[in-house]
Amino acid sequence: MNDILARAAKALEENDIVQAGDILEYELPDSLDSLVPFLNEIKEKIKGTKDSG
């Protein structure tokens, strides 16, 4: 994900709005979607901690 954000930042620095938009629209969502299972696991662990405490 760092690579995607770095490329988007570079495109913005170069005033390439189209490239930055493409990266944010097409590449970033896939990367974020891959985090969902990990985030759900964290959420369940936090929820379990609250229920037992």
PDB file of N, CA and C in Angstrom:
ATOM      1  N   MET A   1       0.819  -1.182   0.000  1.00  0.00           N
ATOM      2  CA  MET A   1       0.000   0.000   0.000  1.00  0.00           C
ATOM      3  C   MET A   1       0.868   1.253   0.000  1.00  0.00           C
ATOM      4  N   ASN A   2       2.010   1.197   0.671  1.00  0.00           N
ATOM      5  CA  ASN A   2       2.907   2.354   0.685  1.00  0.00           C
ATOM      6  C   ASN A   2       3.326   2.752  -0.721  1.00  0.00           C
ATOM      7  N   ASP A   3       3.562   1.742  -1.569  1.00  0.00           N
ATOM      8  CA  ASP A   3       3.953   2.019  -2.950  1.00  0.00           C
ATOM      9  C   ASP A   3       2.841   2.754  -3.701  1.00  0.00           C
ATOM     10  N   ILE A   4       1.623   2.319  -3.497  1.00  0.00           N
ATOM     11  CA  ILE A   4       0.490   2.953  -4.171  1.00  0.00           C
ATOM     12  C   ILE A   4       0.377   4.412  -3.737  1.00  0.00           C
ATOM     13  N   LEU A   5       0.455   4.654  -2.444  1.00  0.00           N
ATOM     14  CA  LEU A   5       0.352   6.025  -1.951  1.00  0.00           C
ATOM     15  C   LEU A   5       1.528   6.882  -2.412  1.00  0.00           C
ATOM     16  N   ALA A   6       2.707   6.294  -2.464  1.00  0.00           N
ATOM     17  CA  ALA A   6       3.884   7.030  -2.930  1.00  0.00           C
ATOM     18  C   ALA A   6       3.735   7.411  -4.400  1.00  0.00           C
ATOM     19  N   ARG A   7       3.218   6.479  -5.206  1.00  0.00           N
ATOM     20  CA  ARG A   7       3.015   6.788  -6.623  1.00  0.00           C
ATOM     21  C   ARG A   7       1.938   7.847  -6.819  1.00  0.00           C
ATOM     22  N   ALA A   8       0.890   7.799  -6.006  1.00  0.00           N
ATOM     23  CA  ALA A   8      -0.156   8.822  -6.083  1.00  0.00           C
ATOM     24  C   ALA A   8       0.407  10.185  -5.690  1.00  0.00           C
ATOM     25  N   ALA A   9       1.216  10.226  -4.632  1.00  0.00           N
ATOM     26  CA  ALA A   9       1.837  11.479  -4.198  1.00  0.00           C
ATOM     27  C   ALA A   9       2.755  12.031  -5.282  1.00  0.00           C
ATOM     28  N   LYS A  10       3.528  11.153  -5.905  1.00  0.00           N
ATOM     29  CA  LYS A  10       4.432  11.601  -6.965  1.00  0.00           C
ATOM     30  C   LYS A  10       3.647  12.168  -8.139  1.00  0.00           C
ATOM     31  N   ALA A  11       2.561  11.504  -8.499  1.00  0.00           N
ATOM     32  CA  ALA A  11       1.728  11.996  -9.597  1.00  0.00           C
ATOM     33  C   ALA A  11       1.154  13.375  -9.261  1.00  0.00           C
ATOM     34  N   LEU A  12       0.739  13.559  -8.014  1.00  0.00           N
ATOM     35  CA  LEU A  12       0.213  14.862  -7.601  1.00  0.00           C
ATOM     36  C   LEU A  12       1.298  15.933  -7.628  1.00  0.00           C
ATOM     37  N   GLU A  13       2.495  15.572  -7.196  1.00  0.00           N
ATOM     38  CA  GLU A  13       3.613  16.525  -7.232  1.00  0.00           C
ATOM     39  C   GLU A  13       3.920  16.955  -8.660  1.00  0.00           C
ATOM     40  N   GLU A  14       3.716  16.025  -9.592  1.00  0.00           N
ATOM     41  CA  GLU A  14       3.974  16.320 -11.005  1.00  0.00           C
ATOM     42  C   GLU A  14       2.745  16.906 -11.691  1.00  0.00           C
ATOM     43  N   ASN A  15       1.719  17.232 -10.910  1.00  0.00           N
ATOM     44  CA  ASN A  15       0.464  17.784 -11.421  1.00  0.00           C
ATOM     45  C   ASN A  15      -0.217  16.863 -12.425  1.00  0.00           C
ATOM     46  N   ASP A  16      -0.013  15.574 -12.268  1.00  0.00           N
ATOM     47  CA  ASP A  16      -0.657  14.595 -13.140  1.00  0.00           C
ATOM     48  C   ASP A  16      -1.909  14.081 -12.424  1.00  0.00           C
ATOM     49  N   ILE A  17      -2.961  14.881 -12.490  1.00  0.00           N
ATOM     50  CA  ILE A  17      -4.197  14.574 -11.788  1.00  0.00           C
ATOM     51  C   ILE A  17      -4.830  13.294 -12.311  1.00  0.00           C
ATOM     52  N   VAL A  18      -4.728  13.066 -13.605  1.00  0.00           N
ATOM     53  CA  VAL A  18      -5.325  11.864 -14.196  1.00  0.00           C
ATOM     54  C   VAL A  18      -4.655  10.618 -13.632  1.00  0.00           C
ATOM     55  N   GLN A  19      -3.339  10.593 -13.596  1.00  0.00           N
ATOM     56  CA  GLN A  19      -2.611   9.445 -13.062  1.00  0.00           C
ATOM     57  C   GLN A  19      -2.920   9.244 -11.581  1.00  0.00           C
ATOM     58  N   ALA A  20      -2.916  10.324 -10.819  1.00  0.00           N
ATOM     59  CA  ALA A  20      -3.227  10.226  -9.388  1.00  0.00           C
ATOM     60  C   ALA A  20      -4.642   9.697  -9.191  1.00  0.00           C
ATOM     61  N   GLY A  21      -5.572  10.196  -9.982  1.00  0.00           N
ATOM     62  CA  GLY A  21      -6.955   9.734  -9.885  1.00  0.00           C
ATOM     63  C   GLY A  21      -7.091   8.272 -10.224  1.00  0.00           C
ATOM     64  N   ASP A  22      -6.405   7.831 -11.265  1.00  0.00           N
ATOM     65  CA  ASP A  22      -6.452   6.414 -11.643  1.00  0.00           C
ATOM     66  C   ASP A  22      -5.914   5.530 -10.527  1.00  0.00           C
ATOM     67  N   ILE A  23      -4.823   5.938  -9.928  1.00  0.00           N
ATOM     68  CA  ILE A  23      -4.235   5.161  -8.834  1.00  0.00           C
ATOM     69  C   ILE A  23      -5.210   5.082  -7.666  1.00  0.00           C
ATOM     70  N   LEU A  24      -5.776   6.229  -7.302  1.00  0.00           N
ATOM     71  CA  LEU A  24      -6.695   6.258  -6.164  1.00  0.00           C
ATOM     72  C   LEU A  24      -8.001   5.521  -6.449  1.00  0.00           C
ATOM     73  N   GLU A  25      -8.447   5.565  -7.690  1.00  0.00           N
ATOM     74  CA  GLU A  25      -9.717   4.926  -8.029  1.00  0.00           C
ATOM     75  C   GLU A  25      -9.589   3.422  -8.255  1.00  0.00           C
ATOM     76  N   TYR A  26      -8.522   3.001  -8.900  1.00  0.00           N
ATOM     77  CA  TYR A  26      -8.424   1.600  -9.321  1.00  0.00           C
ATOM     78  C   TYR A  26      -7.493   0.745  -8.473  1.00  0.00           C
ATOM     79  N   GLU A  27      -6.443   1.317  -7.941  1.00  0.00           N
ATOM     80  CA  GLU A  27      -5.457   0.510  -7.220  1.00  0.00           C
ATOM     81  C   GLU A  27      -5.643   0.540  -5.705  1.00  0.00           C
ATOM     82  N   LEU A  28      -5.919   1.700  -5.165  1.00  0.00           N
ATOM     83  CA  LEU A  28      -6.043   1.824  -3.717  1.00  0.00           C
ATOM     84  C   LEU A  28      -7.191   0.989  -3.144  1.00  0.00           C
ATOM     85  N   PRO A  29      -8.372   0.967  -3.765  1.00  0.00           N
ATOM     86  CA  PRO A  29      -9.458   0.161  -3.192  1.00  0.00           C
ATOM     87  C   PRO A  29      -9.106  -1.324  -3.049  1.00  0.00           C
ATOM     88  N   ASP A  30      -8.416  -1.882  -4.031  1.00  0.00           N
ATOM     89  CA  ASP A  30      -8.015  -3.293  -3.932  1.00  0.00           C
ATOM     90  C   ASP A  30      -7.083  -3.515  -2.748  1.00  0.00           C
ATOM     91  N   SER A  31      -6.177  -2.582  -2.570  1.00  0.00           N
ATOM     92  CA  SER A  31      -5.241  -2.690  -1.461  1.00  0.00           C
ATOM     93  C   SER A  31      -5.971  -2.581  -0.119  1.00  0.00           C
ATOM     94  N   LEU A  32      -6.904  -1.663  -0.033  1.00  0.00           N
ATOM     95  CA  LEU A  32      -7.670  -1.499   1.198  1.00  0.00           C
ATOM     96  C   LEU A  32      -8.558  -2.710   1.465  1.00  0.00           C
ATOM     97  N   ASP A  33      -9.145  -3.273   0.401  1.00  0.00           N
ATOM     98  CA  ASP A  33      -9.988  -4.464   0.562  1.00  0.00           C
ATOM     99  C   ASP A  33      -9.199  -5.632   1.137  1.00  0.00           C
ATOM    100  N   SER A  34      -7.924  -5.703   0.809  1.00  0.00           N
ATOM    101  CA  SER A  34      -7.114  -6.809   1.318  1.00  0.00           C
ATOM    102  C   SER A  34      -6.886  -6.691   2.826  1.00  0.00           C
ATOM    103  N   LEU A  35      -7.116  -5.518   3.387  1.00  0.00           N
ATOM    104  CA  LEU A  35      -6.945  -5.318   4.826  1.00  0.00           C
ATOM    105  C   LEU A  35      -8.177  -5.727   5.631  1.00  0.00           C
ATOM    106  N   VAL A  36      -9.316  -5.883   4.976  1.00  0.00           N
ATOM    107  CA  VAL A  36     -10.575  -6.141   5.687  1.00  0.00           C
ATOM    108  C   VAL A  36     -10.503  -7.359   6.604  1.00  0.00           C
ATOM    109  N   PRO A  37     -10.019  -8.515   6.148  1.00  0.00           N
ATOM    110  CA  PRO A  37      -9.968  -9.661   7.068  1.00  0.00           C
ATOM    111  C   PRO A  37      -9.116  -9.380   8.312  1.00  0.00           C
ATOM    112  N   PHE A  38      -8.002  -8.728   8.129  1.00  0.00           N
ATOM    113  CA  PHE A  38      -7.123  -8.385   9.249  1.00  0.00           C
ATOM    114  C   PHE A  38      -7.832  -7.441  10.218  1.00  0.00           C
ATOM    115  N   LEU A  39      -8.503  -6.430   9.670  1.00  0.00           N
ATOM    116  CA  LEU A  39      -9.212  -5.470  10.512  1.00  0.00           C
ATOM    117  C   LEU A  39     -10.383  -6.119  11.243  1.00  0.00           C
ATOM    118  N   ASN A  40     -11.066  -7.039  10.586  1.00  0.00           N
ATOM    119  CA  ASN A  40     -12.161  -7.757  11.242  1.00  0.00           C
ATOM    120  C   ASN A  40     -11.647  -8.588  12.413  1.00  0.00           C
ATOM    121  N   GLU A  41     -10.494  -9.201  12.240  1.00  0.00           N
ATOM    122  CA  GLU A  41      -9.905  -9.993  13.317  1.00  0.00           C
ATOM    123  C   GLU A  41      -9.560  -9.098  14.514  1.00  0.00           C
ATOM    124  N   ILE A  42      -8.991  -7.938  14.242  1.00  0.00           N
ATOM    125  CA  ILE A  42      -8.678  -6.987  15.315  1.00  0.00           C
ATOM    126  C   ILE A  42      -9.962  -6.561  16.014  1.00  0.00           C
ATOM    127  N   LYS A  43     -10.977  -6.273  15.231  1.00  0.00           N
ATOM    128  CA  LYS A  43     -12.263  -5.853  15.795  1.00  0.00           C
ATOM    129  C   LYS A  43     -12.830  -6.919  16.726  1.00  0.00           C
ATOM    130  N   GLU A  44     -12.760  -8.185  16.310  1.00  0.00           N
ATOM    131  CA  GLU A  44     -13.271  -9.274  17.141  1.00  0.00           C
ATOM    132  C   GLU A  44     -12.467  -9.424  18.429  1.00  0.00           C
ATOM    133  N   LYS A  45     -11.157  -9.255  18.342  1.00  0.00           N
ATOM    134  CA  LYS A  45     -10.320  -9.352  19.541  1.00  0.00           C
ATOM    135  C   LYS A  45     -10.633  -8.222  20.514  1.00  0.00           C
ATOM    136  N   ILE A  46     -10.829  -7.029  19.990  1.00  0.00           N
ATOM    137  CA  ILE A  46     -11.179  -5.894  20.849  1.00  0.00           C
ATOM    138  C   ILE A  46     -12.555  -6.127  21.463  1.00  0.00           C
ATOM    139  N   LYS A  47     -13.480  -6.588  20.661  1.00  0.00           N
ATOM    140  CA  LYS A  47     -14.826  -6.864  21.151  1.00  0.00           C
ATOM    141  C   LYS A  47     -14.782  -7.932  22.262  1.00  0.00           C
ATOM    142  N   GLY A  48     -13.976  -8.964  22.073  1.00  0.00           N
ATOM    143  CA  GLY A  48     -13.836 -10.016  23.086  1.00  0.00           C
ATOM    144  C   GLY A  48     -13.233  -9.491  24.363  1.00  0.00           C
ATOM    145  N   THR A  49     -12.315  -8.566  24.263  1.00  0.00           N
ATOM    146  CA  THR A  49     -11.690  -7.952  25.429  1.00  0.00           C
ATOM    147  C   THR A  49     -12.711  -7.131  26.219  1.00  0.00           C
ATOM    148  N   LYS A  50     -13.544  -6.396  25.508  1.00  0.00           N
ATOM    149  CA  LYS A  50     -14.563  -5.576  26.169  1.00  0.00           C
ATOM    150  C   LYS A  50     -15.609  -6.455  26.856  1.00  0.00           C
ATOM    151  N   ASP A  51     -15.979  -7.580  26.217  1.00  0.00           N
ATOM    152  CA  ASP A  51     -16.984  -8.466  26.785  1.00  0.00           C
ATOM    153  C   ASP A  51     -16.503  -9.149  28.066  1.00  0.00           C
ATOM    154  N   SER A  52     -15.199  -9.430  28.137  1.00  0.00           N
ATOM    155  CA  SER A  52     -14.667 -10.137  29.310  1.00  0.00           C
ATOM    156  C   SER A  52     -14.238  -9.185  30.430  1.00  0.00           C
ATOM    157  N   GLY A  53     -14.184  -7.903  30.113  1.00  0.00           N
ATOM    158  CA  GLY A  53     -13.672  -6.956  31.095  1.00  0.00           C
ATOM    159  C   GLY A  53     -14.736  -6.168  31.698  1.00  0.00           C
TER     160      GLY A  53
END
